Amino acid sequence: MVSPVLCNLFMHYVFDLWMKRTFAHAPWCRYADDGLVHCKTEQEAQDVKAALANRLSQCGLQMQPDKTPIVYCKDSNRRGKYPNTKFDFPGYAFRPRSAKNLRQEKSFVSFTPAVSSKPPTAMWQTTRQWNIRNRADLGLTQIARMFNLVLRGWLNYYRRFHASAMQPVLRHFDLTLIAWAMRKYKKLKRPKTRAGKFLIAVAKREPHVFVHWKRTMDAFA
């Protein structure tokens, strides 16, 4: 597609090069038309926001105030009180989270990312659209061949931080496989636990069939 390429080229001129010239000291990143700038103080954040709004206006663009908040990255070392302490950046929700130092066995608060609420909803909808539960004409290896690429993409992107947040999505996919097994094999139709036990056995015997089975041996648990 041409439009994403043109968007990136334009934003490279509007934002990337401008940031390097104007706020070279401030760490920043951008994905398509979404960007982040890390500032040391609230005043610096206000100055960057105002300057960026002016820059966008000069280039024929408009900043959306409700989508351009100033966020305080609160953790155990930054304990100030501010109204905004979380934000989303592509597919991840950044916010204060409880963490634990395993060496010292101490708990603390860390400002870290995990998959946000929107991507799992989209992934559940995608799984339903695949209609696997009604594809009794397919075998497990055929289903894996068709959908492993997408599953691998989800896992590679969303399990980098707080991998446990992906478990509901994987669980939903596994439950869909149980529904598929119940439809495909008459002996697994009732009770439902029989189909679950069947797929648990397959996952243990052949963990490489689906990409998420390779990473977790407690599939369907």
N, C-alpha and C. Protein backbone atom coordinates (compact mmCIF):
# COMPACT_ATOMS: atom_id res chain seq x y z
N MET A 1 0.84 -1.20 0.00
CA MET A 1 0.00 0.00 0.00
C MET A 1 0.88 1.25 0.00
N VAL A 2 0.43 2.26 -0.73
CA VAL A 2 1.22 3.49 -0.86
C VAL A 2 0.99 4.42 0.32
N SER A 3 -0.25 4.51 0.83
CA SER A 3 -0.57 5.50 1.85
C SER A 3 0.27 5.39 3.13
N PRO A 4 0.51 4.19 3.70
CA PRO A 4 1.37 4.12 4.88
C PRO A 4 2.79 4.59 4.59
N VAL A 5 3.29 4.30 3.40
CA VAL A 5 4.64 4.74 3.03
C VAL A 5 4.70 6.26 2.97
N LEU A 6 3.70 6.87 2.32
CA LEU A 6 3.66 8.33 2.23
C LEU A 6 3.49 8.96 3.60
N CYS A 7 2.67 8.33 4.45
CA CYS A 7 2.48 8.83 5.82
C CYS A 7 3.79 8.86 6.58
N ASN A 8 4.55 7.77 6.49
CA ASN A 8 5.84 7.70 7.19
C ASN A 8 6.84 8.70 6.65
N LEU A 9 6.85 8.87 5.32
CA LEU A 9 7.76 9.85 4.73
C LEU A 9 7.42 11.26 5.20
N PHE A 10 6.12 11.57 5.21
CA PHE A 10 5.69 12.90 5.63
C PHE A 10 5.98 13.13 7.10
N MET A 11 5.67 12.14 7.96
CA MET A 11 5.91 12.29 9.39
C MET A 11 7.40 12.32 9.71
N HIS A 12 8.20 11.69 8.86
CA HIS A 12 9.66 11.76 9.05
C HIS A 12 10.12 13.21 8.91
N TYR A 13 9.55 13.89 7.93
CA TYR A 13 9.88 15.31 7.73
C TYR A 13 9.25 16.18 8.82
N VAL A 14 7.97 15.96 9.10
CA VAL A 14 7.23 16.82 10.03
C VAL A 14 7.71 16.63 11.47
N PHE A 15 7.92 15.38 11.87
CA PHE A 15 8.19 15.10 13.29
C PHE A 15 9.65 14.68 13.54
N ASP A 16 10.10 13.62 12.88
CA ASP A 16 11.41 13.05 13.20
C ASP A 16 12.54 14.07 13.06
N LEU A 17 12.69 14.66 11.87
CA LEU A 17 13.77 15.61 11.63
C LEU A 17 13.63 16.85 12.50
N TRP A 18 12.38 17.28 12.71
CA TRP A 18 12.14 18.44 13.56
C TRP A 18 12.54 18.18 15.00
N MET A 19 12.21 17.01 15.53
CA MET A 19 12.59 16.66 16.90
C MET A 19 14.11 16.64 17.05
N LYS A 20 14.81 16.11 16.07
CA LYS A 20 16.28 16.05 16.13
C LYS A 20 16.89 17.45 16.16
N ARG A 21 16.25 18.38 15.44
CA ARG A 21 16.76 19.74 15.41
C ARG A 21 16.37 20.53 16.65
N THR A 22 15.14 20.37 17.08
CA THR A 22 14.57 21.27 18.09
C THR A 22 14.72 20.76 19.52
N PHE A 23 14.55 19.45 19.71
CA PHE A 23 14.65 18.87 21.06
C PHE A 23 15.58 17.66 21.01
N ALA A 24 16.80 17.91 20.62
CA ALA A 24 17.76 16.83 20.42
C ALA A 24 18.05 16.07 21.72
N HIS A 25 17.86 16.71 22.86
CA HIS A 25 18.17 16.08 24.14
C HIS A 25 17.06 15.15 24.63
N ALA A 26 15.87 15.25 24.04
CA ALA A 26 14.71 14.49 24.54
C ALA A 26 14.57 13.17 23.81
N PRO A 27 14.57 12.04 24.53
CA PRO A 27 14.33 10.74 23.87
C PRO A 27 12.91 10.69 23.30
N TRP A 28 12.76 10.13 22.12
CA TRP A 28 11.45 10.06 21.48
C TRP A 28 11.38 8.83 20.58
N CYS A 29 10.17 8.48 20.20
CA CYS A 29 9.96 7.40 19.24
C CYS A 29 8.65 7.68 18.51
N ARG A 30 8.47 7.03 17.37
CA ARG A 30 7.25 7.24 16.59
C ARG A 30 6.88 5.96 15.87
N TYR A 31 5.58 5.69 15.80
CA TYR A 31 5.05 4.59 15.00
C TYR A 31 3.90 5.17 14.17
N ALA A 32 4.10 5.25 12.85
CA ALA A 32 3.12 5.88 11.95
C ALA A 32 2.84 7.30 12.44
N ASP A 33 1.59 7.62 12.80
CA ASP A 33 1.30 8.98 13.25
C ASP A 33 1.18 9.07 14.77
N ASP A 34 1.63 8.04 15.48
CA ASP A 34 1.67 8.07 16.95
C ASP A 34 3.11 8.27 17.41
N GLY A 35 3.31 9.18 18.33
CA GLY A 35 4.67 9.43 18.82
C GLY A 35 4.71 9.62 20.32
N LEU A 36 5.89 9.41 20.90
CA LEU A 36 6.14 9.62 22.32
C LEU A 36 7.38 10.47 22.50
N VAL A 37 7.33 11.38 23.45
CA VAL A 37 8.50 12.18 23.80
C VAL A 37 8.67 12.10 25.31
N HIS A 38 9.86 11.73 25.76
CA HIS A 38 10.11 11.61 27.20
C HIS A 38 10.75 12.89 27.70
N CYS A 39 10.13 13.54 28.68
CA CYS A 39 10.61 14.80 29.23
C CYS A 39 10.97 14.61 30.70
N LYS A 40 11.86 15.47 31.18
CA LYS A 40 12.31 15.36 32.56
C LYS A 40 11.38 16.08 33.54
N THR A 41 10.70 17.12 33.06
CA THR A 41 9.83 17.89 33.94
C THR A 41 8.49 18.14 33.25
N GLU A 42 7.50 18.51 34.05
CA GLU A 42 6.19 18.83 33.49
C GLU A 42 6.27 20.07 32.61
N GLN A 43 7.07 21.05 33.02
CA GLN A 43 7.21 22.27 32.23
C GLN A 43 7.82 21.97 30.87
N GLU A 44 8.82 21.10 30.85
CA GLU A 44 9.42 20.71 29.57
C GLU A 44 8.38 20.02 28.68
N ALA A 45 7.55 19.18 29.28
CA ALA A 45 6.51 18.50 28.51
C ALA A 45 5.52 19.51 27.93
N GLN A 46 5.16 20.53 28.71
CA GLN A 46 4.26 21.57 28.22
C GLN A 46 4.89 22.33 27.05
N ASP A 47 6.19 22.64 27.16
CA ASP A 47 6.89 23.37 26.11
C ASP A 47 6.95 22.55 24.83
N VAL A 48 7.26 21.26 24.95
CA VAL A 48 7.34 20.39 23.78
C VAL A 48 5.97 20.28 23.12
N LYS A 49 4.94 20.13 23.92
CA LYS A 49 3.59 19.98 23.38
C LYS A 49 3.17 21.24 22.62
N ALA A 50 3.45 22.40 23.18
CA ALA A 50 3.09 23.65 22.51
C ALA A 50 3.87 23.84 21.22
N ALA A 51 5.17 23.54 21.27
CA ALA A 51 6.00 23.69 20.07
C ALA A 51 5.57 22.71 18.99
N LEU A 52 5.21 21.49 19.40
CA LEU A 52 4.78 20.47 18.44
C LEU A 52 3.45 20.86 17.79
N ALA A 53 2.55 21.41 18.58
CA ALA A 53 1.26 21.86 18.03
C ALA A 53 1.50 22.93 16.97
N ASN A 54 2.43 23.84 17.22
CA ASN A 54 2.75 24.88 16.26
C ASN A 54 3.40 24.30 15.01
N ARG A 55 4.28 23.34 15.20
CA ARG A 55 4.95 22.68 14.06
C ARG A 55 3.92 21.96 13.18
N LEU A 56 3.01 21.24 13.77
CA LEU A 56 1.99 20.52 13.00
C LEU A 56 1.10 21.50 12.23
N SER A 57 0.76 22.62 12.87
CA SER A 57 -0.07 23.62 12.22
C SER A 57 0.63 24.19 10.99
N GLN A 58 1.93 24.43 11.11
CA GLN A 58 2.71 24.96 9.98
C GLN A 58 2.72 23.98 8.80
N CYS A 59 2.58 22.69 9.10
CA CYS A 59 2.61 21.66 8.06
C CYS A 59 1.21 21.22 7.63
N GLY A 60 0.21 21.98 8.04
CA GLY A 60 -1.15 21.68 7.63
C GLY A 60 -1.82 20.58 8.41
N LEU A 61 -1.31 20.28 9.59
CA LEU A 61 -1.88 19.24 10.45
C LEU A 61 -2.39 19.86 11.74
N GLN A 62 -3.17 19.08 12.49
CA GLN A 62 -3.73 19.58 13.74
C GLN A 62 -3.56 18.54 14.83
N MET A 63 -3.06 18.99 15.97
CA MET A 63 -2.92 18.10 17.12
C MET A 63 -4.28 17.87 17.76
N GLN A 64 -4.56 16.63 18.12
CA GLN A 64 -5.80 16.31 18.82
C GLN A 64 -5.53 16.35 20.33
N PRO A 65 -5.99 17.38 21.02
CA PRO A 65 -5.67 17.54 22.45
C PRO A 65 -6.04 16.32 23.30
N ASP A 66 -7.21 15.71 23.01
CA ASP A 66 -7.64 14.57 23.84
C ASP A 66 -6.78 13.34 23.62
N LYS A 67 -6.04 13.30 22.52
CA LYS A 67 -5.17 12.16 22.23
C LYS A 67 -3.69 12.51 22.42
N THR A 68 -3.42 13.67 23.02
CA THR A 68 -2.04 14.10 23.24
C THR A 68 -1.88 14.51 24.70
N PRO A 69 -2.03 13.57 25.63
CA PRO A 69 -1.93 13.92 27.05
C PRO A 69 -0.48 13.99 27.52
N ILE A 70 -0.29 14.67 28.62
CA ILE A 70 0.99 14.63 29.32
C ILE A 70 0.83 13.62 30.45
N VAL A 71 1.67 12.60 30.46
CA VAL A 71 1.52 11.48 31.37
C VAL A 71 2.71 11.43 32.34
N TYR A 72 2.41 11.23 33.59
CA TYR A 72 3.44 11.07 34.62
C TYR A 72 3.77 9.59 34.77
N CYS A 73 5.03 9.23 34.53
CA CYS A 73 5.46 7.82 34.58
C CYS A 73 5.75 7.44 36.03
N LYS A 74 4.71 7.16 36.74
CA LYS A 74 4.82 6.92 38.18
C LYS A 74 5.38 5.54 38.48
N ASP A 75 6.34 5.48 39.42
CA ASP A 75 6.88 4.21 39.90
C ASP A 75 7.39 4.42 41.32
N SER A 76 8.19 3.48 41.81
CA SER A 76 8.66 3.56 43.20
C SER A 76 9.58 4.76 43.43
N ASN A 77 10.23 5.24 42.38
CA ASN A 77 11.13 6.38 42.51
C ASN A 77 10.46 7.71 42.18
N ARG A 78 9.36 7.65 41.42
CA ARG A 78 8.61 8.87 41.07
C ARG A 78 7.25 8.77 41.73
N ARG A 79 7.08 9.44 42.83
CA ARG A 79 5.89 9.25 43.66
C ARG A 79 4.96 10.45 43.68
N GLY A 80 5.11 11.34 42.72
CA GLY A 80 4.23 12.50 42.65
C GLY A 80 2.81 12.11 42.32
N LYS A 81 1.88 13.03 42.54
CA LYS A 81 0.46 12.78 42.27
C LYS A 81 0.02 13.62 41.08
N TYR A 82 -0.33 12.94 39.99
CA TYR A 82 -0.80 13.60 38.78
C TYR A 82 -2.00 12.83 38.24
N PRO A 83 -2.89 13.51 37.52
CA PRO A 83 -4.12 12.85 37.05
C PRO A 83 -3.88 11.76 36.02
N ASN A 84 -2.86 11.92 35.16
CA ASN A 84 -2.61 10.94 34.10
C ASN A 84 -1.34 10.14 34.40
N THR A 85 -1.53 8.84 34.60
CA THR A 85 -0.37 7.98 34.88
C THR A 85 -0.35 6.74 33.98
N LYS A 86 -1.00 6.82 32.83
CA LYS A 86 -0.97 5.69 31.92
C LYS A 86 -1.26 6.15 30.50
N PHE A 87 -0.77 5.39 29.53
CA PHE A 87 -1.03 5.69 28.13
C PHE A 87 -0.89 4.42 27.31
N ASP A 88 -1.47 4.43 26.11
CA ASP A 88 -1.35 3.31 25.17
C ASP A 88 -0.45 3.70 24.02
N PHE A 89 0.40 2.78 23.60
CA PHE A 89 1.25 3.01 22.44
C PHE A 89 1.44 1.68 21.77
N PRO A 90 1.45 1.65 20.43
CA PRO A 90 0.74 0.64 19.66
C PRO A 90 0.54 -0.71 20.30
N GLY A 91 -0.69 -0.90 20.78
CA GLY A 91 -1.11 -2.19 21.30
C GLY A 91 -0.70 -2.47 22.73
N TYR A 92 0.14 -1.62 23.31
CA TYR A 92 0.61 -1.82 24.68
C TYR A 92 0.04 -0.73 25.60
N ALA A 93 -0.27 -1.11 26.82
CA ALA A 93 -0.70 -0.17 27.84
C ALA A 93 0.46 0.02 28.82
N PHE A 94 0.94 1.25 28.93
CA PHE A 94 2.02 1.59 29.85
C PHE A 94 1.39 2.20 31.10
N ARG A 95 1.71 1.65 32.26
CA ARG A 95 1.15 2.17 33.51
C ARG A 95 1.93 1.61 34.68
N PRO A 96 1.73 2.15 35.89
CA PRO A 96 2.39 1.59 37.07
C PRO A 96 1.90 0.17 37.34
N ARG A 97 2.83 -0.74 37.59
CA ARG A 97 2.48 -2.14 37.87
C ARG A 97 3.34 -2.65 39.01
N SER A 98 2.77 -3.56 39.76
CA SER A 98 3.53 -4.19 40.85
C SER A 98 4.57 -5.14 40.25
N ALA A 99 5.75 -5.11 40.80
CA ALA A 99 6.83 -5.99 40.35
C ALA A 99 7.57 -6.50 41.58
N LYS A 100 8.47 -7.45 41.35
CA LYS A 100 9.20 -8.03 42.47
C LYS A 100 10.65 -8.27 42.10
N ASN A 101 11.53 -7.85 42.98
CA ASN A 101 12.95 -8.12 42.84
C ASN A 101 13.21 -9.53 43.40
N LEU A 102 13.44 -10.48 42.51
CA LEU A 102 13.56 -11.87 42.94
C LEU A 102 14.79 -12.10 43.81
N ARG A 103 15.86 -11.36 43.56
CA ARG A 103 17.08 -11.55 44.37
C ARG A 103 16.89 -11.06 45.78
N GLN A 104 16.28 -9.89 45.91
CA GLN A 104 16.08 -9.31 47.24
C GLN A 104 14.71 -9.66 47.82
N GLU A 105 13.86 -10.29 47.02
CA GLU A 105 12.50 -10.66 47.43
C GLU A 105 11.74 -9.45 47.96
N LYS A 106 11.85 -8.35 47.22
CA LYS A 106 11.15 -7.13 47.60
C LYS A 106 10.20 -6.72 46.48
N SER A 107 9.04 -6.22 46.87
CA SER A 107 8.08 -5.73 45.89
C SER A 107 8.29 -4.24 45.66
N PHE A 108 8.00 -3.78 44.44
CA PHE A 108 8.13 -2.37 44.12
C PHE A 108 7.17 -2.06 42.97
N VAL A 109 7.06 -0.80 42.63
CA VAL A 109 6.19 -0.36 41.53
C VAL A 109 7.07 0.03 40.35
N SER A 110 6.74 -0.51 39.20
CA SER A 110 7.49 -0.22 37.98
C SER A 110 6.54 0.29 36.90
N PHE A 111 6.99 1.26 36.12
CA PHE A 111 6.17 1.78 35.01
C PHE A 111 6.49 0.95 33.78
N THR A 112 5.65 -0.03 33.49
CA THR A 112 5.97 -1.01 32.46
C THR A 112 4.80 -1.25 31.51
N PRO A 113 5.08 -1.85 30.35
CA PRO A 113 4.02 -2.13 29.37
C PRO A 113 3.48 -3.54 29.48
N ALA A 114 2.26 -3.72 29.01
CA ALA A 114 1.65 -5.03 28.80
C ALA A 114 0.58 -4.81 27.73
N VAL A 115 0.18 -5.89 27.09
CA VAL A 115 -0.82 -5.76 26.03
C VAL A 115 -2.05 -5.02 26.58
N SER A 116 -2.54 -4.03 25.82
CA SER A 116 -3.68 -3.24 26.26
C SER A 116 -4.98 -4.02 26.05
N SER A 117 -6.09 -3.43 26.42
CA SER A 117 -7.37 -4.14 26.36
C SER A 117 -7.89 -4.28 24.94
N LYS A 118 -7.54 -3.37 24.04
CA LYS A 118 -8.10 -3.40 22.69
C LYS A 118 -7.58 -4.55 21.82
N PRO A 119 -6.27 -4.83 21.76
CA PRO A 119 -5.79 -5.92 20.91
C PRO A 119 -6.40 -7.28 21.22
N PRO A 120 -6.53 -7.70 22.50
CA PRO A 120 -7.17 -9.00 22.75
C PRO A 120 -8.58 -9.09 22.19
N THR A 121 -9.34 -8.00 22.30
CA THR A 121 -10.69 -8.00 21.74
C THR A 121 -10.64 -8.23 20.23
N ALA A 122 -9.72 -7.55 19.56
CA ALA A 122 -9.57 -7.73 18.12
C ALA A 122 -9.13 -9.14 17.78
N MET A 123 -8.26 -9.73 18.62
CA MET A 123 -7.77 -11.08 18.38
C MET A 123 -8.88 -12.11 18.59
N TRP A 124 -9.72 -11.90 19.60
CA TRP A 124 -10.87 -12.79 19.81
C TRP A 124 -11.80 -12.74 18.60
N GLN A 125 -12.04 -11.54 18.09
CA GLN A 125 -12.90 -11.40 16.93
C GLN A 125 -12.29 -12.10 15.70
N THR A 126 -10.97 -11.99 15.57
CA THR A 126 -10.29 -12.66 14.46
C THR A 126 -10.44 -14.17 14.57
N THR A 127 -10.26 -14.69 15.79
CA THR A 127 -10.41 -16.12 15.99
C THR A 127 -11.81 -16.59 15.63
N ARG A 128 -12.82 -15.82 16.01
CA ARG A 128 -14.20 -16.19 15.67
C ARG A 128 -14.42 -16.15 14.16
N GLN A 129 -13.82 -15.15 13.50
CA GLN A 129 -13.98 -15.04 12.05
C GLN A 129 -13.34 -16.21 11.31
N TRP A 130 -12.30 -16.79 11.90
CA TRP A 130 -11.67 -17.95 11.26
C TRP A 130 -12.63 -19.14 11.18
N ASN A 131 -13.62 -19.17 12.10
CA ASN A 131 -14.66 -20.21 12.08
C ASN A 131 -14.07 -21.62 12.18
N ILE A 132 -13.03 -21.76 12.98
CA ILE A 132 -12.34 -23.05 13.11
C ILE A 132 -13.29 -24.12 13.64
N ARG A 133 -14.15 -23.75 14.57
CA ARG A 133 -15.01 -24.74 15.23
C ARG A 133 -15.92 -25.47 14.23
N ASN A 134 -16.18 -24.86 13.09
CA ASN A 134 -17.04 -25.48 12.08
C ASN A 134 -16.27 -26.11 10.92
N ARG A 135 -14.94 -26.13 11.00
CA ARG A 135 -14.14 -26.68 9.92
C ARG A 135 -13.79 -28.14 10.21
N ALA A 136 -14.80 -28.98 10.29
CA ALA A 136 -14.58 -30.40 10.55
C ALA A 136 -13.88 -31.09 9.38
N ASP A 137 -13.80 -30.41 8.24
CA ASP A 137 -13.11 -30.99 7.08
C ASP A 137 -11.60 -30.91 7.21
N LEU A 138 -11.12 -30.14 8.20
CA LEU A 138 -9.68 -29.95 8.38
C LEU A 138 -9.14 -30.78 9.53
N GLY A 139 -7.85 -31.12 9.43
CA GLY A 139 -7.16 -31.77 10.54
C GLY A 139 -6.38 -30.74 11.33
N LEU A 140 -5.82 -31.15 12.47
CA LEU A 140 -5.08 -30.21 13.31
C LEU A 140 -3.89 -29.60 12.59
N THR A 141 -3.14 -30.42 11.85
CA THR A 141 -1.97 -29.90 11.15
C THR A 141 -2.36 -28.90 10.07
N GLN A 142 -3.51 -29.12 9.43
CA GLN A 142 -3.98 -28.16 8.43
C GLN A 142 -4.38 -26.83 9.09
N ILE A 143 -5.05 -26.92 10.23
CA ILE A 143 -5.43 -25.71 10.95
C ILE A 143 -4.17 -24.96 11.40
N ALA A 144 -3.19 -25.71 11.89
CA ALA A 144 -1.94 -25.08 12.32
C ALA A 144 -1.24 -24.40 11.17
N ARG A 145 -1.23 -25.06 10.01
CA ARG A 145 -0.57 -24.50 8.83
C ARG A 145 -1.24 -23.20 8.40
N MET A 146 -2.54 -23.12 8.57
CA MET A 146 -3.29 -21.94 8.15
C MET A 146 -3.14 -20.75 9.11
N PHE A 147 -3.01 -21.04 10.43
CA PHE A 147 -3.11 -19.96 11.40
C PHE A 147 -1.87 -19.74 12.27
N ASN A 148 -0.88 -20.61 12.18
CA ASN A 148 0.32 -20.44 13.02
C ASN A 148 1.06 -19.14 12.74
N LEU A 149 1.05 -18.71 11.49
CA LEU A 149 1.78 -17.49 11.15
C LEU A 149 1.21 -16.29 11.90
N VAL A 150 -0.13 -16.22 11.95
CA VAL A 150 -0.77 -15.12 12.68
C VAL A 150 -0.53 -15.26 14.18
N LEU A 151 -0.67 -16.47 14.70
CA LEU A 151 -0.43 -16.70 16.13
C LEU A 151 1.00 -16.33 16.51
N ARG A 152 1.95 -16.69 15.66
CA ARG A 152 3.35 -16.37 15.92
C ARG A 152 3.56 -14.86 15.95
N GLY A 153 2.92 -14.15 15.04
CA GLY A 153 3.03 -12.70 15.04
C GLY A 153 2.49 -12.08 16.31
N TRP A 154 1.34 -12.55 16.76
CA TRP A 154 0.78 -12.06 18.02
C TRP A 154 1.73 -12.31 19.18
N LEU A 155 2.25 -13.52 19.26
CA LEU A 155 3.12 -13.89 20.37
C LEU A 155 4.43 -13.10 20.35
N ASN A 156 5.03 -12.98 19.18
CA ASN A 156 6.31 -12.27 19.09
C ASN A 156 6.18 -10.81 19.50
N TYR A 157 5.01 -10.23 19.20
CA TYR A 157 4.84 -8.81 19.52
C TYR A 157 4.34 -8.58 20.94
N TYR A 158 3.34 -9.33 21.36
CA TYR A 158 2.67 -9.02 22.62
C TYR A 158 3.19 -9.77 23.84
N ARG A 159 4.06 -10.77 23.64
CA ARG A 159 4.56 -11.49 24.81
C ARG A 159 5.94 -11.03 25.24
N ARG A 160 6.41 -9.93 24.66
CA ARG A 160 7.72 -9.40 25.06
C ARG A 160 7.67 -8.85 26.49
N PHE A 161 6.50 -8.35 26.89
CA PHE A 161 6.34 -7.79 28.23
C PHE A 161 5.06 -8.36 28.85
N HIS A 162 5.17 -8.83 30.07
CA HIS A 162 4.02 -9.38 30.79
C HIS A 162 3.28 -10.40 29.92
N ALA A 163 3.98 -11.47 29.58
CA ALA A 163 3.44 -12.49 28.68
C ALA A 163 2.12 -13.07 29.19
N SER A 164 1.91 -13.05 30.50
CA SER A 164 0.69 -13.63 31.05
C SER A 164 -0.57 -12.91 30.56
N ALA A 165 -0.42 -11.64 30.12
CA ALA A 165 -1.58 -10.90 29.64
C ALA A 165 -2.13 -11.48 28.34
N MET A 166 -1.33 -12.32 27.66
CA MET A 166 -1.78 -12.95 26.42
C MET A 166 -2.54 -14.25 26.67
N GLN A 167 -2.53 -14.75 27.89
CA GLN A 167 -3.14 -16.04 28.17
C GLN A 167 -4.64 -16.11 27.82
N PRO A 168 -5.44 -15.06 28.09
CA PRO A 168 -6.86 -15.14 27.71
C PRO A 168 -7.06 -15.36 26.21
N VAL A 169 -6.21 -14.74 25.39
CA VAL A 169 -6.32 -14.90 23.93
C VAL A 169 -5.99 -16.33 23.53
N LEU A 170 -4.90 -16.86 24.09
CA LEU A 170 -4.49 -18.22 23.76
C LEU A 170 -5.51 -19.23 24.28
N ARG A 171 -6.06 -18.93 25.45
CA ARG A 171 -7.09 -19.80 26.02
C ARG A 171 -8.31 -19.83 25.11
N HIS A 172 -8.69 -18.68 24.58
CA HIS A 172 -9.84 -18.60 23.69
C HIS A 172 -9.60 -19.42 22.42
N PHE A 173 -8.38 -19.35 21.90
CA PHE A 173 -8.06 -20.14 20.71
C PHE A 173 -8.12 -21.64 21.02
N ASP A 174 -7.60 -22.03 22.18
CA ASP A 174 -7.61 -23.44 22.56
C ASP A 174 -9.04 -23.95 22.77
N LEU A 175 -9.89 -23.11 23.35
CA LEU A 175 -11.30 -23.49 23.52
C LEU A 175 -11.98 -23.66 22.17
N THR A 176 -11.57 -22.84 21.20
CA THR A 176 -12.10 -22.99 19.85
C THR A 176 -11.68 -24.33 19.26
N LEU A 177 -10.45 -24.76 19.55
CA LEU A 177 -9.99 -26.07 19.09
C LEU A 177 -10.79 -27.20 19.75
N ILE A 178 -11.15 -27.01 21.01
CA ILE A 178 -11.99 -28.00 21.69
C ILE A 178 -13.34 -28.11 20.99
N ALA A 179 -13.93 -26.96 20.64
CA ALA A 179 -15.21 -26.97 19.92
C ALA A 179 -15.06 -27.66 18.56
N TRP A 180 -13.91 -27.44 17.91
CA TRP A 180 -13.63 -28.10 16.62
C TRP A 180 -13.56 -29.61 16.81
N ALA A 181 -12.86 -30.07 17.84
CA ALA A 181 -12.70 -31.50 18.09
C ALA A 181 -14.05 -32.15 18.38
N MET A 182 -14.91 -31.46 19.12
CA MET A 182 -16.24 -32.00 19.45
C MET A 182 -17.10 -32.16 18.19
N ARG A 183 -16.91 -31.27 17.23
CA ARG A 183 -17.68 -31.36 15.99
C ARG A 183 -17.09 -32.40 15.04
N LYS A 184 -15.78 -32.53 15.04
CA LYS A 184 -15.12 -33.43 14.08
C LYS A 184 -15.24 -34.89 14.49
N TYR A 185 -15.10 -35.17 15.78
CA TYR A 185 -15.09 -36.56 16.25
C TYR A 185 -16.32 -36.84 17.11
N LYS A 186 -17.12 -37.78 16.69
CA LYS A 186 -18.36 -38.10 17.40
C LYS A 186 -18.08 -38.57 18.83
N LYS A 187 -16.99 -39.31 18.99
CA LYS A 187 -16.69 -39.84 20.33
C LYS A 187 -16.29 -38.75 21.32
N LEU A 188 -15.97 -37.54 20.80
CA LEU A 188 -15.57 -36.43 21.67
C LEU A 188 -16.69 -35.42 21.88
N LYS A 189 -17.86 -35.70 21.32
CA LYS A 189 -18.94 -34.73 21.37
C LYS A 189 -19.45 -34.48 22.79
N ARG A 190 -19.52 -35.51 23.59
CA ARG A 190 -19.99 -35.40 24.97
C ARG A 190 -19.22 -36.38 25.85
N PRO A 191 -18.87 -35.96 27.06
CA PRO A 191 -18.94 -34.61 27.60
C PRO A 191 -17.81 -33.73 27.04
N LYS A 192 -17.89 -32.43 27.30
CA LYS A 192 -16.92 -31.48 26.75
C LYS A 192 -15.50 -31.75 27.25
N THR A 193 -15.40 -32.25 28.47
CA THR A 193 -14.07 -32.50 29.05
C THR A 193 -13.31 -33.57 28.26
N ARG A 194 -14.03 -34.44 27.56
CA ARG A 194 -13.37 -35.48 26.79
C ARG A 194 -12.55 -34.88 25.65
N ALA A 195 -13.11 -33.88 24.97
CA ALA A 195 -12.38 -33.21 23.90
C ALA A 195 -11.19 -32.44 24.46
N GLY A 196 -11.36 -31.85 25.64
CA GLY A 196 -10.25 -31.13 26.27
C GLY A 196 -9.10 -32.06 26.60
N LYS A 197 -9.41 -33.22 27.17
CA LYS A 197 -8.37 -34.19 27.51
C LYS A 197 -7.66 -34.71 26.25
N PHE A 198 -8.44 -34.87 25.18
CA PHE A 198 -7.87 -35.33 23.91
C PHE A 198 -6.81 -34.34 23.41
N LEU A 199 -7.14 -33.03 23.44
CA LEU A 199 -6.21 -32.03 22.93
C LEU A 199 -5.03 -31.81 23.87
N ILE A 200 -5.24 -31.99 25.16
CA ILE A 200 -4.12 -31.94 26.11
C ILE A 200 -3.11 -33.03 25.77
N ALA A 201 -3.62 -34.22 25.48
CA ALA A 201 -2.74 -35.33 25.13
C ALA A 201 -1.97 -35.04 23.85
N VAL A 202 -2.66 -34.46 22.86
CA VAL A 202 -1.99 -34.11 21.60
C VAL A 202 -0.92 -33.05 21.85
N ALA A 203 -1.24 -32.03 22.66
CA ALA A 203 -0.29 -30.95 22.95
C ALA A 203 0.96 -31.48 23.64
N LYS A 204 0.79 -32.45 24.54
CA LYS A 204 1.95 -33.02 25.24
C LYS A 204 2.77 -33.91 24.32
N ARG A 205 2.07 -34.63 23.45
CA ARG A 205 2.76 -35.56 22.53
C ARG A 205 3.40 -34.83 21.36
N GLU A 206 2.73 -33.77 20.88
CA GLU A 206 3.22 -33.03 19.71
C GLU A 206 3.16 -31.53 19.99
N PRO A 207 4.02 -31.03 20.87
CA PRO A 207 3.95 -29.62 21.26
C PRO A 207 4.30 -28.63 20.15
N HIS A 208 4.84 -29.14 19.05
CA HIS A 208 5.24 -28.23 17.97
C HIS A 208 4.13 -27.99 16.95
N VAL A 209 2.98 -28.59 17.14
CA VAL A 209 1.89 -28.40 16.18
C VAL A 209 1.47 -26.93 16.13
N PHE A 210 1.21 -26.32 17.29
CA PHE A 210 0.86 -24.90 17.35
C PHE A 210 1.97 -24.15 18.08
N VAL A 211 2.23 -22.93 17.64
CA VAL A 211 3.36 -22.18 18.16
C VAL A 211 3.24 -21.91 19.66
N HIS A 212 2.02 -21.72 20.17
CA HIS A 212 1.90 -21.43 21.60
C HIS A 212 2.00 -22.71 22.43
N TRP A 213 1.78 -23.87 21.81
CA TRP A 213 1.98 -25.12 22.54
C TRP A 213 3.45 -25.34 22.83
N LYS A 214 4.32 -24.88 21.97
CA LYS A 214 5.77 -25.04 22.18
C LYS A 214 6.23 -24.26 23.40
N ARG A 215 5.52 -23.17 23.70
CA ARG A 215 5.96 -22.28 24.78
C ARG A 215 5.31 -22.63 26.10
N THR A 216 4.17 -23.26 26.06
CA THR A 216 3.48 -23.62 27.31
C THR A 216 2.99 -25.06 27.24
N MET A 217 3.47 -25.88 28.12
CA MET A 217 3.05 -27.27 28.16
C MET A 217 1.77 -27.45 28.96
N ASP A 218 1.25 -26.37 29.53
CA ASP A 218 0.01 -26.49 30.28
C ASP A 218 -1.17 -25.99 29.44
N ALA A 219 -1.13 -26.26 28.15
CA ALA A 219 -2.22 -25.85 27.27
C ALA A 219 -3.55 -26.45 27.77
N PHE A 220 -4.59 -25.62 27.71
CA PHE A 220 -5.95 -26.01 28.11
C PHE A 220 -6.11 -26.14 29.62
N ALA A 221 -5.04 -25.88 30.38
CA ALA A 221 -5.16 -26.05 31.83
C ALA A 221 -5.96 -24.91 32.44
